Amino acid sequence: RKKRVYLEEKKLLNQKFESELLKTQIEVQEQTMQLISSNLHD
C-alpha cells in the first residue's frame, strides 16, 4: 500500500519538479523499499 502511494507520489513529483531535494526523498524511499523487500524474502 505504501509502495503504491509512493509510486503515485513519485509520478506526480517527476511531473512537477526536478529539484535535488525531491530526488533525494525518492531515493531514500527506494532504499527503504529495497531493504524491506530483500529482508522479507531472504
ModelCIF file with pLDDT and N, C-alpha, C, O atoms, coordinates in Angstrom:
data_MODEL
#
_entry.id   MODEL 
#
_entity.id                         1 
_entity.type                       polymer 
_entity.pdbx_number_of_molecules   1 
#
_entity_poly.entity_id                      1 
_entity_poly.type                           'polypeptide(L)' 
_entity_poly.nstd_linkage                   no 
_entity_poly.nstd_monomer                   no 
_entity_poly.pdbx_seq_one_letter_code       RKKRVYLEEKKLLNQKFESELLKTQIEVQEQTMQLISSNLHD 
_entity_poly.pdbx_seq_one_letter_code_can   RKKRVYLEEKKLLNQKFESELLKTQIEVQEQTMQLISSNLHD 
_entity_poly.pdbx_strand_id                 A 
#
loop_
_entity_poly_seq.entity_id 
_entity_poly_seq.num 
_entity_poly_seq.mon_id 
_entity_poly_seq.hetero 
1 1  ARG n 
1 2  LYS n 
1 3  LYS n 
1 4  ARG n 
1 5  VAL n 
1 6  TYR n 
1 7  LEU n 
1 8  GLU n 
1 9  GLU n 
1 10 LYS n 
1 11 LYS n 
1 12 LEU n 
1 13 LEU n 
1 14 ASN n 
1 15 GLN n 
1 16 LYS n 
1 17 PHE n 
1 18 GLU n 
1 19 SER n 
1 20 GLU n 
1 21 LEU n 
1 22 LEU n 
1 23 LYS n 
1 24 THR n 
1 25 GLN n 
1 26 ILE n 
1 27 GLU n 
1 28 VAL n 
1 29 GLN n 
1 30 GLU n 
1 31 GLN n 
1 32 THR n 
1 33 MET n 
1 34 GLN n 
1 35 LEU n 
1 36 ILE n 
1 37 SER n 
1 38 SER n 
1 39 ASN n 
1 40 LEU n 
1 41 HIS n 
1 42 ASP n 
#
_struct_asym.id          A 
_struct_asym.entity_id   1 
#
loop_
_ma_qa_metric.id 
_ma_qa_metric.mode 
_ma_qa_metric.name 
_ma_qa_metric.software_group_id 
_ma_qa_metric.type 
1 global pLDDT . pLDDT 
2 local  pLDDT . pLDDT 
#
_ma_qa_metric_global.metric_id      1 
_ma_qa_metric_global.metric_value   63.71 
_ma_qa_metric_global.model_id       1 
_ma_qa_metric_global.ordinal_id     1 
#
loop_
_ma_qa_metric_local.label_asym_id 
_ma_qa_metric_local.label_comp_id 
_ma_qa_metric_local.label_seq_id 
_ma_qa_metric_local.metric_id 
_ma_qa_metric_local.metric_value 
_ma_qa_metric_local.model_id 
_ma_qa_metric_local.ordinal_id 
A ARG 1  2 81.00 1 1  
A LYS 2  2 78.00 1 2  
A LYS 3  2 78.00 1 3  
A ARG 4  2 79.00 1 4  
A VAL 5  2 76.00 1 5  
A TYR 6  2 73.00 1 6  
A LEU 7  2 75.00 1 7  
A GLU 8  2 75.00 1 8  
A GLU 9  2 71.00 1 9  
A LYS 10 2 67.00 1 10 
A LYS 11 2 70.00 1 11 
A LEU 12 2 64.00 1 12 
A LEU 13 2 55.00 1 13 
A ASN 14 2 56.00 1 14 
A GLN 15 2 56.00 1 15 
A LYS 16 2 50.00 1 16 
A PHE 17 2 42.00 1 17 
A GLU 18 2 51.00 1 18 
A SER 19 2 59.00 1 19 
A GLU 20 2 60.00 1 20 
A LEU 21 2 57.00 1 21 
A LEU 22 2 60.00 1 22 
A LYS 23 2 64.00 1 23 
A THR 24 2 64.00 1 24 
A GLN 25 2 61.00 1 25 
A ILE 26 2 63.00 1 26 
A GLU 27 2 63.00 1 27 
A VAL 28 2 60.00 1 28 
A GLN 29 2 64.00 1 29 
A GLU 30 2 65.00 1 30 
A GLN 31 2 61.00 1 31 
A THR 32 2 63.00 1 32 
A MET 33 2 65.00 1 33 
A GLN 34 2 62.00 1 34 
A LEU 35 2 59.00 1 35 
A ILE 36 2 63.00 1 36 
A SER 37 2 63.00 1 37 
A SER 38 2 59.00 1 38 
A ASN 39 2 61.00 1 39 
A LEU 40 2 65.00 1 40 
A HIS 41 2 60.00 1 41 
A ASP 42 2 58.00 1 42 
#
loop_
_atom_site.group_PDB 
_atom_site.id 
_atom_site.type_symbol 
_atom_site.label_atom_id 
_atom_site.label_alt_id 
_atom_site.label_comp_id 
_atom_site.label_asym_id 
_atom_site.label_entity_id 
_atom_site.label_seq_id 
_atom_site.pdbx_PDB_ins_code 
_atom_site.Cartn_x 
_atom_site.Cartn_y 
_atom_site.Cartn_z 
_atom_site.occupancy 
_atom_site.B_iso_or_equiv 
_atom_site.pdbx_formal_charge 
_atom_site.auth_seq_id 
_atom_site.auth_comp_id 
_atom_site.auth_asym_id 
_atom_site.auth_atom_id 
_atom_site.pdbx_PDB_model_num 
ATOM 1   N N  . ARG A 1 1  ? 0.839  -1.197  0.000   1.00 81.00 ? 1  ARG A N  1 
ATOM 2   C CA . ARG A 1 1  ? 0.000  0.000   0.000   1.00 81.00 ? 1  ARG A CA 1 
ATOM 3   C C  . ARG A 1 1  ? 0.878  1.251   0.000   1.00 81.00 ? 1  ARG A C  1 
ATOM 4   O O  . ARG A 1 1  ? 0.638  2.197   -0.751  1.00 81.00 ? 1  ARG A O  1 
ATOM 5   N N  . LYS A 1 2  ? 1.908  1.234   0.868   1.00 78.00 ? 2  LYS A N  1 
ATOM 6   C CA . LYS A 1 2  ? 2.835  2.369   0.927   1.00 78.00 ? 2  LYS A CA 1 
ATOM 7   C C  . LYS A 1 2  ? 3.592  2.514   -0.391  1.00 78.00 ? 2  LYS A C  1 
ATOM 8   O O  . LYS A 1 2  ? 3.842  3.627   -0.854  1.00 78.00 ? 2  LYS A O  1 
ATOM 9   N N  . LYS A 1 3  ? 3.955  1.371   -0.992  1.00 78.00 ? 3  LYS A N  1 
ATOM 10  C CA . LYS A 1 3  ? 4.688  1.409   -2.246  1.00 78.00 ? 3  LYS A CA 1 
ATOM 11  C C  . LYS A 1 3  ? 3.834  2.017   -3.355  1.00 78.00 ? 3  LYS A C  1 
ATOM 12  O O  . LYS A 1 3  ? 4.325  2.791   -4.178  1.00 78.00 ? 3  LYS A O  1 
ATOM 13  N N  . ARG A 1 4  ? 2.532  1.653   -3.367  1.00 79.00 ? 4  ARG A N  1 
ATOM 14  C CA . ARG A 1 4  ? 1.634  2.196   -4.381  1.00 79.00 ? 4  ARG A CA 1 
ATOM 15  C C  . ARG A 1 4  ? 1.509  3.714   -4.230  1.00 79.00 ? 4  ARG A C  1 
ATOM 16  O O  . ARG A 1 4  ? 1.559  4.456   -5.212  1.00 79.00 ? 4  ARG A O  1 
ATOM 17  N N  . VAL A 1 5  ? 1.345  4.164   -2.970  1.00 76.00 ? 5  VAL A N  1 
ATOM 18  C CA . VAL A 1 5  ? 1.249  5.613   -2.709  1.00 76.00 ? 5  VAL A CA 1 
ATOM 19  C C  . VAL A 1 5  ? 2.541  6.300   -3.117  1.00 76.00 ? 5  VAL A C  1 
ATOM 20  O O  . VAL A 1 5  ? 2.538  7.372   -3.722  1.00 76.00 ? 5  VAL A O  1 
ATOM 21  N N  . TYR A 1 6  ? 3.658  5.644   -2.763  1.00 73.00 ? 6  TYR A N  1 
ATOM 22  C CA . TYR A 1 6  ? 4.973  6.205   -3.088  1.00 73.00 ? 6  TYR A CA 1 
ATOM 23  C C  . TYR A 1 6  ? 5.172  6.345   -4.603  1.00 73.00 ? 6  TYR A C  1 
ATOM 24  O O  . TYR A 1 6  ? 5.701  7.350   -5.077  1.00 73.00 ? 6  TYR A O  1 
ATOM 25  N N  . LEU A 1 7  ? 4.739  5.315   -5.362  1.00 75.00 ? 7  LEU A N  1 
ATOM 26  C CA . LEU A 1 7  ? 4.874  5.365   -6.816  1.00 75.00 ? 7  LEU A CA 1 
ATOM 27  C C  . LEU A 1 7  ? 3.997  6.464   -7.421  1.00 75.00 ? 7  LEU A C  1 
ATOM 28  O O  . LEU A 1 7  ? 4.381  7.131   -8.382  1.00 75.00 ? 7  LEU A O  1 
ATOM 29  N N  . GLU A 1 8  ? 2.812  6.634   -6.833  1.00 75.00 ? 8  GLU A N  1 
ATOM 30  C CA . GLU A 1 8  ? 1.931  7.716   -7.296  1.00 75.00 ? 8  GLU A CA 1 
ATOM 31  C C  . GLU A 1 8  ? 2.553  9.081   -7.017  1.00 75.00 ? 8  GLU A C  1 
ATOM 32  O O  . GLU A 1 8  ? 2.522  9.980   -7.858  1.00 75.00 ? 8  GLU A O  1 
ATOM 33  N N  . GLU A 1 9  ? 3.124  9.217   -5.800  1.00 71.00 ? 9  GLU A N  1 
ATOM 34  C CA . GLU A 1 9  ? 3.786  10.479  -5.436  1.00 71.00 ? 9  GLU A CA 1 
ATOM 35  C C  . GLU A 1 9  ? 4.985  10.736  -6.344  1.00 71.00 ? 9  GLU A C  1 
ATOM 36  O O  . GLU A 1 9  ? 5.235  11.862  -6.774  1.00 71.00 ? 9  GLU A O  1 
ATOM 37  N N  . LYS A 1 10 ? 5.725  9.652   -6.626  1.00 67.00 ? 10 LYS A N  1 
ATOM 38  C CA . LYS A 1 10 ? 6.908  9.779   -7.478  1.00 67.00 ? 10 LYS A CA 1 
ATOM 39  C C  . LYS A 1 10 ? 6.523  10.281  -8.865  1.00 67.00 ? 10 LYS A C  1 
ATOM 40  O O  . LYS A 1 10 ? 7.202  11.129  -9.444  1.00 67.00 ? 10 LYS A O  1 
ATOM 41  N N  . LYS A 1 11 ? 5.425  9.744   -9.384  1.00 70.00 ? 11 LYS A N  1 
ATOM 42  C CA . LYS A 1 11 ? 4.954  10.156  -10.702 1.00 70.00 ? 11 LYS A CA 1 
ATOM 43  C C  . LYS A 1 11 ? 4.582  11.634  -10.710 1.00 70.00 ? 11 LYS A C  1 
ATOM 44  O O  . LYS A 1 11 ? 4.922  12.369  -11.637 1.00 70.00 ? 11 LYS A O  1 
ATOM 45  N N  . LEU A 1 12 ? 3.870  12.059  -9.650  1.00 64.00 ? 12 LEU A N  1 
ATOM 46  C CA . LEU A 1 12 ? 3.474  13.464  -9.552  1.00 64.00 ? 12 LEU A CA 1 
ATOM 47  C C  . LEU A 1 12 ? 4.683  14.379  -9.395  1.00 64.00 ? 12 LEU A C  1 
ATOM 48  O O  . LEU A 1 12 ? 4.761  15.444  -10.007 1.00 64.00 ? 12 LEU A O  1 
ATOM 49  N N  . LEU A 1 13 ? 5.633  13.935  -8.554  1.00 55.00 ? 13 LEU A N  1 
ATOM 50  C CA . LEU A 1 13 ? 6.828  14.746  -8.323  1.00 55.00 ? 13 LEU A CA 1 
ATOM 51  C C  . LEU A 1 13 ? 7.651  14.887  -9.598  1.00 55.00 ? 13 LEU A C  1 
ATOM 52  O O  . LEU A 1 13 ? 8.183  15.959  -9.890  1.00 55.00 ? 13 LEU A O  1 
ATOM 53  N N  . ASN A 1 14 ? 7.751  13.799  -10.352 1.00 56.00 ? 14 ASN A N  1 
ATOM 54  C CA . ASN A 1 14 ? 8.510  13.842  -11.605 1.00 56.00 ? 14 ASN A CA 1 
ATOM 55  C C  . ASN A 1 14 ? 7.848  14.767  -12.624 1.00 56.00 ? 14 ASN A C  1 
ATOM 56  O O  . ASN A 1 14 ? 8.522  15.383  -13.450 1.00 56.00 ? 14 ASN A O  1 
ATOM 57  N N  . GLN A 1 15 ? 6.533  14.854  -12.556 1.00 56.00 ? 15 GLN A N  1 
ATOM 58  C CA . GLN A 1 15 ? 5.815  15.719  -13.479 1.00 56.00 ? 15 GLN A CA 1 
ATOM 59  C C  . GLN A 1 15 ? 6.000  17.192  -13.103 1.00 56.00 ? 15 GLN A C  1 
ATOM 60  O O  . GLN A 1 15 ? 6.089  18.050  -13.981 1.00 56.00 ? 15 GLN A O  1 
ATOM 61  N N  . LYS A 1 16 ? 6.057  17.480  -11.818 1.00 50.00 ? 16 LYS A N  1 
ATOM 62  C CA . LYS A 1 16 ? 6.055  18.869  -11.359 1.00 50.00 ? 16 LYS A CA 1 
ATOM 63  C C  . LYS A 1 16 ? 7.454  19.424  -11.067 1.00 50.00 ? 16 LYS A C  1 
ATOM 64  O O  . LYS A 1 16 ? 7.722  20.598  -11.320 1.00 50.00 ? 16 LYS A O  1 
ATOM 65  N N  . PHE A 1 17 ? 8.336  18.586  -10.540 1.00 42.00 ? 17 PHE A N  1 
ATOM 66  C CA . PHE A 1 17 ? 9.627  19.099  -10.063 1.00 42.00 ? 17 PHE A CA 1 
ATOM 67  C C  . PHE A 1 17 ? 10.799 18.229  -10.520 1.00 42.00 ? 17 PHE A C  1 
ATOM 68  O O  . PHE A 1 17 ? 10.644 17.042  -10.808 1.00 42.00 ? 17 PHE A O  1 
ATOM 69  N N  . GLU A 1 18 ? 11.980 18.858  -10.577 1.00 51.00 ? 18 GLU A N  1 
ATOM 70  C CA . GLU A 1 18 ? 13.218 18.110  -10.801 1.00 51.00 ? 18 GLU A CA 1 
ATOM 71  C C  . GLU A 1 18 ? 14.263 18.554  -9.777  1.00 51.00 ? 18 GLU A C  1 
ATOM 72  O O  . GLU A 1 18 ? 15.465 18.444  -10.017 1.00 51.00 ? 18 GLU A O  1 
ATOM 73  N N  . SER A 1 19 ? 13.805 19.042  -8.670  1.00 59.00 ? 19 SER A N  1 
ATOM 74  C CA . SER A 1 19 ? 14.754 19.572  -7.678  1.00 59.00 ? 19 SER A CA 1 
ATOM 75  C C  . SER A 1 19 ? 15.530 18.435  -7.019  1.00 59.00 ? 19 SER A C  1 
ATOM 76  O O  . SER A 1 19 ? 15.053 17.302  -6.954  1.00 59.00 ? 19 SER A O  1 
ATOM 77  N N  . GLU A 1 20 ? 16.701 18.739  -6.543  1.00 60.00 ? 20 GLU A N  1 
ATOM 78  C CA . GLU A 1 20 ? 17.568 17.739  -5.916  1.00 60.00 ? 20 GLU A CA 1 
ATOM 79  C C  . GLU A 1 20 ? 16.962 17.205  -4.623  1.00 60.00 ? 20 GLU A C  1 
ATOM 80  O O  . GLU A 1 20 ? 17.139 16.034  -4.286  1.00 60.00 ? 20 GLU A O  1 
ATOM 81  N N  . LEU A 1 21 ? 16.256 18.052  -3.910  1.00 57.00 ? 21 LEU A N  1 
ATOM 82  C CA . LEU A 1 21 ? 15.662 17.622  -2.658  1.00 57.00 ? 21 LEU A CA 1 
ATOM 83  C C  . LEU A 1 21 ? 14.617 16.544  -2.879  1.00 57.00 ? 21 LEU A C  1 
ATOM 84  O O  . LEU A 1 21 ? 14.557 15.572  -2.125  1.00 57.00 ? 21 LEU A O  1 
ATOM 85  N N  . LEU A 1 22 ? 13.787 16.707  -3.913  1.00 60.00 ? 22 LEU A N  1 
ATOM 86  C CA . LEU A 1 22 ? 12.754 15.727  -4.217  1.00 60.00 ? 22 LEU A CA 1 
ATOM 87  C C  . LEU A 1 22 ? 13.371 14.420  -4.705  1.00 60.00 ? 22 LEU A C  1 
ATOM 88  O O  . LEU A 1 22 ? 12.883 13.338  -4.380  1.00 60.00 ? 22 LEU A O  1 
ATOM 89  N N  . LYS A 1 23 ? 14.442 14.523  -5.486  1.00 64.00 ? 23 LYS A N  1 
ATOM 90  C CA . LYS A 1 23 ? 15.150 13.312  -5.928  1.00 64.00 ? 23 LYS A CA 1 
ATOM 91  C C  . LYS A 1 23 ? 15.679 12.554  -4.711  1.00 64.00 ? 23 LYS A C  1 
ATOM 92  O O  . LYS A 1 23 ? 15.615 11.327  -4.649  1.00 64.00 ? 23 LYS A O  1 
ATOM 93  N N  . THR A 1 24 ? 16.198 13.305  -3.754  1.00 64.00 ? 24 THR A N  1 
ATOM 94  C CA . THR A 1 24 ? 16.745 12.689  -2.551  1.00 64.00 ? 24 THR A CA 1 
ATOM 95  C C  . THR A 1 24 ? 15.667 11.938  -1.786  1.00 64.00 ? 24 THR A C  1 
ATOM 96  O O  . THR A 1 24 ? 15.890 10.822  -1.318  1.00 64.00 ? 24 THR A O  1 
ATOM 97  N N  . GLN A 1 25 ? 14.495 12.555  -1.661  1.00 61.00 ? 25 GLN A N  1 
ATOM 98  C CA . GLN A 1 25 ? 13.387 11.925  -0.957  1.00 61.00 ? 25 GLN A CA 1 
ATOM 99  C C  . GLN A 1 25 ? 12.993 10.607  -1.628  1.00 61.00 ? 25 GLN A C  1 
ATOM 100 O O  . GLN A 1 25 ? 12.758 9.605   -0.952  1.00 61.00 ? 25 GLN A O  1 
ATOM 101 N N  . ILE A 1 26 ? 12.924 10.614  -2.938  1.00 63.00 ? 26 ILE A N  1 
ATOM 102 C CA . ILE A 1 26 ? 12.576 9.400   -3.689  1.00 63.00 ? 26 ILE A CA 1 
ATOM 103 C C  . ILE A 1 26 ? 13.625 8.317   -3.468  1.00 63.00 ? 26 ILE A C  1 
ATOM 104 O O  . ILE A 1 26 ? 13.282 7.151   -3.273  1.00 63.00 ? 26 ILE A O  1 
ATOM 105 N N  . GLU A 1 27 ? 14.896 8.694   -3.498  1.00 63.00 ? 27 GLU A N  1 
ATOM 106 C CA . GLU A 1 27 ? 15.977 7.720   -3.347  1.00 63.00 ? 27 GLU A CA 1 
ATOM 107 C C  . GLU A 1 27 ? 15.972 7.087   -1.960  1.00 63.00 ? 27 GLU A C  1 
ATOM 108 O O  . GLU A 1 27 ? 16.215 5.889   -1.819  1.00 63.00 ? 27 GLU A O  1 
ATOM 109 N N  . VAL A 1 28 ? 15.693 7.903   -0.929  1.00 60.00 ? 28 VAL A N  1 
ATOM 110 C CA . VAL A 1 28 ? 15.616 7.358   0.433   1.00 60.00 ? 28 VAL A CA 1 
ATOM 111 C C  . VAL A 1 28 ? 14.489 6.336   0.524   1.00 60.00 ? 28 VAL A C  1 
ATOM 112 O O  . VAL A 1 28 ? 14.655 5.277   1.129   1.00 60.00 ? 28 VAL A O  1 
ATOM 113 N N  . GLN A 1 29 ? 13.344 6.652   -0.078  1.00 64.00 ? 29 GLN A N  1 
ATOM 114 C CA . GLN A 1 29 ? 12.212 5.728   -0.068  1.00 64.00 ? 29 GLN A CA 1 
ATOM 115 C C  . GLN A 1 29 ? 12.542 4.449   -0.836  1.00 64.00 ? 29 GLN A C  1 
ATOM 116 O O  . GLN A 1 29 ? 12.186 3.355   -0.397  1.00 64.00 ? 29 GLN A O  1 
ATOM 117 N N  . GLU A 1 30 ? 13.222 4.578   -1.981  1.00 65.00 ? 30 GLU A N  1 
ATOM 118 C CA . GLU A 1 30 ? 13.599 3.408   -2.772  1.00 65.00 ? 30 GLU A CA 1 
ATOM 119 C C  . GLU A 1 30 ? 14.538 2.502   -1.989  1.00 65.00 ? 30 GLU A C  1 
ATOM 120 O O  . GLU A 1 30 ? 14.408 1.278   -2.008  1.00 65.00 ? 30 GLU A O  1 
ATOM 121 N N  . GLN A 1 31 ? 15.491 3.133   -1.296  1.00 61.00 ? 31 GLN A N  1 
ATOM 122 C CA . GLN A 1 31 ? 16.445 2.369   -0.490  1.00 61.00 ? 31 GLN A CA 1 
ATOM 123 C C  . GLN A 1 31 ? 15.700 1.576   0.583   1.00 61.00 ? 31 GLN A C  1 
ATOM 124 O O  . GLN A 1 31 ? 16.005 0.408   0.825   1.00 61.00 ? 31 GLN A O  1 
ATOM 125 N N  . THR A 1 32 ? 14.727 2.216   1.218   1.00 63.00 ? 32 THR A N  1 
ATOM 126 C CA . THR A 1 32 ? 13.941 1.568   2.264   1.00 63.00 ? 32 THR A CA 1 
ATOM 127 C C  . THR A 1 32 ? 13.137 0.404   1.696   1.00 63.00 ? 32 THR A C  1 
ATOM 128 O O  . THR A 1 32 ? 13.106 -0.681  2.278   1.00 63.00 ? 32 THR A O  1 
ATOM 129 N N  . MET A 1 33 ? 12.486 0.634   0.555   1.00 65.00 ? 33 MET A N  1 
ATOM 130 C CA . MET A 1 33 ? 11.670 -0.420  -0.064  1.00 65.00 ? 33 MET A CA 1 
ATOM 131 C C  . MET A 1 33 ? 12.519 -1.628  -0.445  1.00 65.00 ? 33 MET A C  1 
ATOM 132 O O  . MET A 1 33 ? 12.101 -2.769  -0.243  1.00 65.00 ? 33 MET A O  1 
ATOM 133 N N  . GLN A 1 34 ? 13.709 -1.386  -0.994  1.00 62.00 ? 34 GLN A N  1 
ATOM 134 C CA . GLN A 1 34 ? 14.602 -2.479  -1.389  1.00 62.00 ? 34 GLN A CA 1 
ATOM 135 C C  . GLN A 1 34 ? 15.026 -3.301  -0.178  1.00 62.00 ? 34 GLN A C  1 
ATOM 136 O O  . GLN A 1 34 ? 15.084 -4.530  -0.227  1.00 62.00 ? 34 GLN A O  1 
ATOM 137 N N  . LEU A 1 35 ? 15.325 -2.586  0.920   1.00 59.00 ? 35 LEU A N  1 
ATOM 138 C CA . LEU A 1 35 ? 15.770 -3.269  2.135   1.00 59.00 ? 35 LEU A CA 1 
ATOM 139 C C  . LEU A 1 35 ? 14.654 -4.120  2.728   1.00 59.00 ? 35 LEU A C  1 
ATOM 140 O O  . LEU A 1 35 ? 14.892 -5.252  3.148   1.00 59.00 ? 35 LEU A O  1 
ATOM 141 N N  . ILE A 1 36 ? 13.432 -3.580  2.764   1.00 63.00 ? 36 ILE A N  1 
ATOM 142 C CA . ILE A 1 36 ? 12.287 -4.321  3.288   1.00 63.00 ? 36 ILE A CA 1 
ATOM 143 C C  . ILE A 1 36 ? 12.024 -5.558  2.426   1.00 63.00 ? 36 ILE A C  1 
ATOM 144 O O  . ILE A 1 36 ? 11.826 -6.658  2.942   1.00 63.00 ? 36 ILE A O  1 
ATOM 145 N N  . SER A 1 37 ? 12.027 -5.361  1.115   1.00 63.00 ? 37 SER A N  1 
ATOM 146 C CA . SER A 1 37 ? 11.743 -6.457  0.192   1.00 63.00 ? 37 SER A CA 1 
ATOM 147 C C  . SER A 1 37 ? 12.748 -7.585  0.348   1.00 63.00 ? 37 SER A C  1 
ATOM 148 O O  . SER A 1 37 ? 12.372 -8.755  0.415   1.00 63.00 ? 37 SER A O  1 
ATOM 149 N N  . SER A 1 38 ? 14.031 -7.232  0.405   1.00 59.00 ? 38 SER A N  1 
ATOM 150 C CA . SER A 1 38 ? 15.072 -8.243  0.491   1.00 59.00 ? 38 SER A CA 1 
ATOM 151 C C  . SER A 1 38 ? 15.032 -8.987  1.818   1.00 59.00 ? 38 SER A C  1 
ATOM 152 O O  . SER A 1 38 ? 15.296 -10.189 1.859   1.00 59.00 ? 38 SER A O  1 
ATOM 153 N N  . ASN A 1 39 ? 14.703 -8.285  2.916   1.00 61.00 ? 39 ASN A N  1 
ATOM 154 C CA . ASN A 1 39 ? 14.642 -8.935  4.220   1.00 61.00 ? 39 ASN A CA 1 
ATOM 155 C C  . ASN A 1 39 ? 13.409 -9.825  4.364   1.00 61.00 ? 39 ASN A C  1 
ATOM 156 O O  . ASN A 1 39 ? 13.477 -10.877 4.999   1.00 61.00 ? 39 ASN A O  1 
ATOM 157 N N  . LEU A 1 40 ? 12.289 -9.414  3.782   1.00 65.00 ? 40 LEU A N  1 
ATOM 158 C CA . LEU A 1 40 ? 11.099 -10.268 3.795   1.00 65.00 ? 40 LEU A CA 1 
ATOM 159 C C  . LEU A 1 40 ? 11.376 -11.582 3.079   1.00 65.00 ? 40 LEU A C  1 
ATOM 160 O O  . LEU A 1 40 ? 10.962 -12.651 3.528   1.00 65.00 ? 40 LEU A O  1 
ATOM 161 N N  . HIS A 1 41 ? 12.085 -11.484 1.955   1.00 60.00 ? 41 HIS A N  1 
ATOM 162 C CA . HIS A 1 41 ? 12.345 -12.670 1.131   1.00 60.00 ? 41 HIS A CA 1 
ATOM 163 C C  . HIS A 1 41 ? 13.451 -13.539 1.721   1.00 60.00 ? 41 HIS A C  1 
ATOM 164 O O  . HIS A 1 41 ? 13.289 -14.749 1.884   1.00 60.00 ? 41 HIS A O  1 
ATOM 165 N N  . ASP A 1 42 ? 14.580 -12.901 2.040   1.00 58.00 ? 42 ASP A N  1 
ATOM 166 C CA . ASP A 1 42 ? 15.775 -13.672 2.402   1.00 58.00 ? 42 ASP A CA 1 
ATOM 167 C C  . ASP A 1 42 ? 15.835 -14.055 3.877   1.00 58.00 ? 42 ASP A C  1 
ATOM 168 O O  . ASP A 1 42 ? 16.788 -14.704 4.308   1.00 58.00 ? 42 ASP A O  1 
#
